[in-house]
């Protein structure tokens, strides 16, 4: 059984944001943001004016 890889940049706000989702390819994982003009922000994101906390997130 293959182990699920750890999320990239776990400290990034994107993992706790309603506007972001992960896009997985065979070689990489990208974070796609529907709230920013730059749809694939450089990671890790530590501040973001468009941040929308997911329900139940600890931010």
PDB file of N, CA and C in Angstrom:
ATOM      1  N   UNK A   1       0.843  -1.171   0.000  1.00  0.00           N
ATOM      2  CA  UNK A   1       0.000   0.000   0.000  1.00  0.00           C
ATOM      3  C   UNK A   1       0.894   1.241   0.000  1.00  0.00           C
ATOM      4  N   UNK A   2       0.638   2.177  -0.937  1.00  0.00           N
ATOM      5  CA  UNK A   2       1.433   3.398  -1.044  1.00  0.00           C
ATOM      6  C   UNK A   2       1.004   4.394   0.031  1.00  0.00           C
ATOM      7  N   UNK A   3       1.980   5.027   0.641  1.00  0.00           N
ATOM      8  CA  UNK A   3       1.701   6.015   1.673  1.00  0.00           C
ATOM      9  C   UNK A   3       1.439   7.365   1.007  1.00  0.00           C
ATOM     10  N   UNK A   4       0.396   8.060   1.455  1.00  0.00           N
ATOM     11  CA  UNK A   4       0.070   9.385   0.936  1.00  0.00           C
ATOM     12  C   UNK A   4       1.188  10.353   1.319  1.00  0.00           C
ATOM     13  N   UNK A   5       1.743  11.107   0.333  1.00  0.00           N
ATOM     14  CA  UNK A   5       2.822  12.035   0.662  1.00  0.00           C
ATOM     15  C   UNK A   5       2.314  13.168   1.548  1.00  0.00           C
ATOM     16  N   UNK A   6       3.203  13.703   2.361  1.00  0.00           N
ATOM     17  CA  UNK A   6       2.861  14.829   3.223  1.00  0.00           C
ATOM     18  C   UNK A   6       2.539  16.046   2.360  1.00  0.00           C
ATOM     19  N   UNK A   7       1.699  16.933   2.876  1.00  0.00           N
ATOM     20  CA  UNK A   7       1.375  18.121   2.097  1.00  0.00           C
ATOM     21  C   UNK A   7       2.600  19.019   2.002  1.00  0.00           C
ATOM     22  N   UNK A   8       2.792  19.653   0.841  1.00  0.00           N
ATOM     23  CA  UNK A   8       3.934  20.555   0.696  1.00  0.00           C
ATOM     24  C   UNK A   8       3.686  21.848   1.470  1.00  0.00           C
ATOM     25  N   UNK A   9       4.718  22.381   2.067  1.00  0.00           N
ATOM     26  CA  UNK A   9       4.640  23.637   2.818  1.00  0.00           C
ATOM     27  C   UNK A   9       3.473  23.632   3.806  1.00  0.00           C
ATOM     28  N   UNK A  10       3.494  22.771   4.801  1.00  0.00           N
ATOM     29  CA  UNK A  10       2.373  22.671   5.740  1.00  0.00           C
ATOM     30  C   UNK A  10       2.091  23.973   6.493  1.00  0.00           C
ATOM     31  N   UNK A  11       3.061  24.880   6.551  1.00  0.00           N
ATOM     32  CA  UNK A  11       2.872  26.154   7.246  1.00  0.00           C
ATOM     33  C   UNK A  11       2.102  27.170   6.403  1.00  0.00           C
ATOM     34  N   UNK A  12       1.849  26.890   5.140  1.00  0.00           N
ATOM     35  CA  UNK A  12       1.167  27.819   4.240  1.00  0.00           C
ATOM     36  C   UNK A  12      -0.290  28.026   4.639  1.00  0.00           C
ATOM     37  N   UNK A  13      -0.752  29.284   4.551  1.00  0.00           N
ATOM     38  CA  UNK A  13      -2.159  29.598   4.812  1.00  0.00           C
ATOM     39  C   UNK A  13      -3.087  28.902   3.826  1.00  0.00           C
ATOM     40  N   UNK A  14      -2.596  28.604   2.661  1.00  0.00           N
ATOM     41  CA  UNK A  14      -3.435  28.015   1.603  1.00  0.00           C
ATOM     42  C   UNK A  14      -4.131  26.728   2.052  1.00  0.00           C
ATOM     43  N   UNK A  15      -3.483  25.953   2.894  1.00  0.00           N
ATOM     44  CA  UNK A  15      -4.070  24.686   3.336  1.00  0.00           C
ATOM     45  C   UNK A  15      -5.287  24.887   4.223  1.00  0.00           C
ATOM     46  N   UNK A  16      -5.439  26.094   4.762  1.00  0.00           N
ATOM     47  CA  UNK A  16      -6.576  26.401   5.632  1.00  0.00           C
ATOM     48  C   UNK A  16      -7.534  27.406   4.992  1.00  0.00           C
ATOM     49  N   UNK A  17      -7.388  27.634   3.680  1.00  0.00           N
ATOM     50  CA  UNK A  17      -8.179  28.648   2.975  1.00  0.00           C
ATOM     51  C   UNK A  17      -9.263  28.015   2.110  1.00  0.00           C
ATOM     52  N   UNK A  18     -10.445  28.599   2.174  1.00  0.00           N
ATOM     53  CA  UNK A  18     -11.595  28.133   1.400  1.00  0.00           C
ATOM     54  C   UNK A  18     -11.373  28.294  -0.108  1.00  0.00           C
ATOM     55  N   UNK A  19     -10.581  29.275  -0.530  1.00  0.00           N
ATOM     56  CA  UNK A  19     -10.388  29.576  -1.955  1.00  0.00           C
ATOM     57  C   UNK A  19      -9.341  28.695  -2.630  1.00  0.00           C
ATOM     58  N   UNK A  20      -8.599  27.923  -1.866  1.00  0.00           N
ATOM     59  CA  UNK A  20      -7.498  27.135  -2.425  1.00  0.00           C
ATOM     60  C   UNK A  20      -7.846  25.657  -2.518  1.00  0.00           C
ATOM     61  N   UNK A  21      -7.272  25.006  -3.527  1.00  0.00           N
ATOM     62  CA  UNK A  21      -7.402  23.549  -3.628  1.00  0.00           C
ATOM     63  C   UNK A  21      -6.115  22.984  -4.202  1.00  0.00           C
ATOM     64  N   UNK A  22      -5.839  21.735  -3.888  1.00  0.00           N
ATOM     65  CA  UNK A  22      -4.628  21.077  -4.373  1.00  0.00           C
ATOM     66  C   UNK A  22      -4.877  20.457  -5.738  1.00  0.00           C
ATOM     67  N   UNK A  23      -3.897  20.635  -6.622  1.00  0.00           N
ATOM     68  CA  UNK A  23      -3.913  20.001  -7.938  1.00  0.00           C
ATOM     69  C   UNK A  23      -2.722  19.058  -7.958  1.00  0.00           C
ATOM     70  N   UNK A  24      -2.990  17.753  -8.075  1.00  0.00           N
ATOM     71  CA  UNK A  24      -1.923  16.756  -8.038  1.00  0.00           C
ATOM     72  C   UNK A  24      -1.667  16.223  -9.436  1.00  0.00           C
ATOM     73  N   UNK A  25      -0.381  16.152  -9.791  1.00  0.00           N
ATOM     74  CA  UNK A  25       0.035  15.500 -11.026  1.00  0.00           C
ATOM     75  C   UNK A  25       0.896  14.311 -10.623  1.00  0.00           C
ATOM     76  N   UNK A  26       1.384  13.580 -11.591  1.00  0.00           N
ATOM     77  CA  UNK A  26       2.246  12.439 -11.287  1.00  0.00           C
ATOM     78  C   UNK A  26       3.543  12.883 -10.618  1.00  0.00           C
ATOM     79  N   UNK A  27       3.987  14.097 -10.914  1.00  0.00           N
ATOM     80  CA  UNK A  27       5.278  14.553 -10.408  1.00  0.00           C
ATOM     81  C   UNK A  27       5.208  15.624  -9.326  1.00  0.00           C
ATOM     82  N   UNK A  28       4.082  16.333  -9.210  1.00  0.00           N
ATOM     83  CA  UNK A  28       4.030  17.492  -8.317  1.00  0.00           C
ATOM     84  C   UNK A  28       2.655  17.694  -7.701  1.00  0.00           C
ATOM     85  N   UNK A  29       2.632  18.585  -6.714  1.00  0.00           N
ATOM     86  CA  UNK A  29       1.387  19.056  -6.126  1.00  0.00           C
ATOM     87  C   UNK A  29       1.423  20.574  -6.191  1.00  0.00           C
ATOM     88  N   UNK A  30       0.364  21.160  -6.755  1.00  0.00           N
ATOM     89  CA  UNK A  30       0.262  22.610  -6.856  1.00  0.00           C
ATOM     90  C   UNK A  30      -0.942  23.050  -6.048  1.00  0.00           C
ATOM     91  N   UNK A  31      -0.929  24.316  -5.621  1.00  0.00           N
ATOM     92  CA  UNK A  31      -2.079  24.873  -4.925  1.00  0.00           C
ATOM     93  C   UNK A  31      -2.688  25.921  -5.843  1.00  0.00           C
ATOM     94  N   UNK A  32      -3.945  25.695  -6.215  1.00  0.00           N
ATOM     95  CA  UNK A  32      -4.690  26.577  -7.102  1.00  0.00           C
ATOM     96  C   UNK A  32      -5.578  27.476  -6.263  1.00  0.00           C
ATOM     97  N   UNK A  33      -5.486  28.793  -6.483  1.00  0.00           N
ATOM     98  CA  UNK A  33      -6.272  29.760  -5.711  1.00  0.00           C
ATOM     99  C   UNK A  33      -7.291  30.436  -6.616  1.00  0.00           C
ATOM    100  N   UNK A  34      -8.557  30.366  -6.248  1.00  0.00           N
ATOM    101  CA  UNK A  34      -9.608  31.011  -7.033  1.00  0.00           C
ATOM    102  C   UNK A  34      -9.817  32.472  -6.639  1.00  0.00           C
ATOM    103  N   UNK A  35      -9.130  32.958  -5.607  1.00  0.00           N
ATOM    104  CA  UNK A  35      -9.319  34.330  -5.123  1.00  0.00           C
ATOM    105  C   UNK A  35      -8.232  35.299  -5.559  1.00  0.00           C
ATOM    106  N   UNK A  36      -7.165  34.806  -6.150  1.00  0.00           N
ATOM    107  CA  UNK A  36      -6.048  35.673  -6.543  1.00  0.00           C
ATOM    108  C   UNK A  36      -5.873  35.725  -8.058  1.00  0.00           C
ATOM    109  N   UNK A  37      -5.373  36.865  -8.578  1.00  0.00           N
ATOM    110  CA  UNK A  37      -5.080  36.930 -10.014  1.00  0.00           C
ATOM    111  C   UNK A  37      -3.980  35.944 -10.408  1.00  0.00           C
ATOM    112  N   UNK A  38      -2.996  35.757  -9.524  1.00  0.00           N
ATOM    113  CA  UNK A  38      -1.933  34.768  -9.734  1.00  0.00           C
ATOM    114  C   UNK A  38      -2.481  33.448  -9.191  1.00  0.00           C
ATOM    115  N   UNK A  39      -3.004  32.608 -10.053  1.00  0.00           N
ATOM    116  CA  UNK A  39      -3.737  31.408  -9.629  1.00  0.00           C
ATOM    117  C   UNK A  39      -2.888  30.372  -8.891  1.00  0.00           C
ATOM    118  N   UNK A  40      -1.577  30.403  -9.089  1.00  0.00           N
ATOM    119  CA  UNK A  40      -0.680  29.464  -8.415  1.00  0.00           C
ATOM    120  C   UNK A  40       0.345  30.263  -7.610  1.00  0.00           C
ATOM    121  N   UNK A  41      -0.011  30.708  -6.396  1.00  0.00           N
ATOM    122  CA  UNK A  41       0.904  31.556  -5.609  1.00  0.00           C
ATOM    123  C   UNK A  41       2.160  30.808  -5.177  1.00  0.00           C
ATOM    124  N   UNK A  42       3.257  31.566  -5.076  1.00  0.00           N
ATOM    125  CA  UNK A  42       4.508  30.988  -4.568  1.00  0.00           C
ATOM    126  C   UNK A  42       4.284  30.546  -3.133  1.00  0.00           C
ATOM    127  N   UNK A  43       4.825  29.418  -2.798  1.00  0.00           N
ATOM    128  CA  UNK A  43       4.652  28.833  -1.466  1.00  0.00           C
ATOM    129  C   UNK A  43       5.921  28.977  -0.648  1.00  0.00           C
ATOM    130  N   UNK A  44       5.821  29.072   0.637  1.00  0.00           N
ATOM    131  CA  UNK A  44       4.616  29.101   1.461  1.00  0.00           C
ATOM    132  C   UNK A  44       4.020  30.511   1.534  1.00  0.00           C
ATOM    133  N   UNK A  45       2.705  30.597   1.584  1.00  0.00           N
ATOM    134  CA  UNK A  45       2.004  31.865   1.752  1.00  0.00           C
ATOM    135  C   UNK A  45       1.820  32.063   3.254  1.00  0.00           C
ATOM    136  N   UNK A  46       2.356  33.166   3.772  1.00  0.00           N
ATOM    137  CA  UNK A  46       2.227  33.437   5.210  1.00  0.00           C
ATOM    138  C   UNK A  46       1.296  34.607   5.493  1.00  0.00           C
ATOM    139  N   UNK A  47       1.036  35.449   4.484  1.00  0.00           N
ATOM    140  CA  UNK A  47       0.069  36.538   4.590  1.00  0.00           C
ATOM    141  C   UNK A  47      -0.677  36.630   3.270  1.00  0.00           C
ATOM    142  N   UNK A  48      -1.993  36.857   3.338  1.00  0.00           N
ATOM    143  CA  UNK A  48      -2.787  36.949   2.114  1.00  0.00           C
ATOM    144  C   UNK A  48      -4.047  37.762   2.393  1.00  0.00           C
ATOM    145  N   UNK A  49      -4.241  38.841   1.628  1.00  0.00           N
ATOM    146  CA  UNK A  49      -5.426  39.685   1.795  1.00  0.00           C
ATOM    147  C   UNK A  49      -6.702  38.954   1.384  1.00  0.00           C
ATOM    148  N   UNK A  50      -6.596  37.929   0.551  1.00  0.00           N
ATOM    149  CA  UNK A  50      -7.763  37.189   0.075  1.00  0.00           C
ATOM    150  C   UNK A  50      -8.063  35.943   0.907  1.00  0.00           C
ATOM    151  N   UNK A  51      -7.345  35.728   1.997  1.00  0.00           N
ATOM    152  CA  UNK A  51      -7.532  34.528   2.816  1.00  0.00           C
ATOM    153  C   UNK A  51      -8.954  34.432   3.347  1.00  0.00           C
ATOM    154  N   UNK A  52      -9.566  33.260   3.174  1.00  0.00           N
ATOM    155  CA  UNK A  52     -10.920  32.973   3.671  1.00  0.00           C
ATOM    156  C   UNK A  52     -10.825  31.662   4.447  1.00  0.00           C
ATOM    157  N   UNK A  53     -10.877  31.736   5.756  1.00  0.00           N
ATOM    158  CA  UNK A  53     -10.700  30.549   6.591  1.00  0.00           C
ATOM    159  C   UNK A  53     -11.763  29.497   6.295  1.00  0.00           C
ATOM    160  N   UNK A  54     -11.331  28.239   6.163  1.00  0.00           N
ATOM    161  CA  UNK A  54     -12.262  27.115   6.018  1.00  0.00           C
ATOM    162  C   UNK A  54     -12.998  26.936   7.340  1.00  0.00           C
ATOM    163  N   UNK A  55     -14.255  26.521   7.290  1.00  0.00           N
ATOM    164  CA  UNK A  55     -14.963  26.231   8.545  1.00  0.00           C
ATOM    165  C   UNK A  55     -14.180  25.185   9.357  1.00  0.00           C
ATOM    166  N   UNK A  56     -13.996  25.472  10.624  1.00  0.00           N
ATOM    167  CA  UNK A  56     -13.298  24.539  11.496  1.00  0.00           C
ATOM    168  C   UNK A  56     -11.789  24.681  11.487  1.00  0.00           C
ATOM    169  N   UNK A  57     -11.240  25.620  10.680  1.00  0.00           N
ATOM    170  CA  UNK A  57      -9.785  25.793  10.686  1.00  0.00           C
ATOM    171  C   UNK A  57      -9.370  26.519  11.950  1.00  0.00           C
ATOM    172  N   UNK A  58      -8.114  26.387  12.317  1.00  0.00           N
ATOM    173  CA  UNK A  58      -7.623  26.960  13.577  1.00  0.00           C
ATOM    174  C   UNK A  58      -7.013  28.343  13.403  1.00  0.00           C
ATOM    175  N   UNK A  59      -7.321  29.036  12.329  1.00  0.00           N
ATOM    176  CA  UNK A  59      -6.755  30.377  12.102  1.00  0.00           C
ATOM    177  C   UNK A  59      -7.768  31.427  12.461  1.00  0.00           C
TER     178      UNK A  59
END
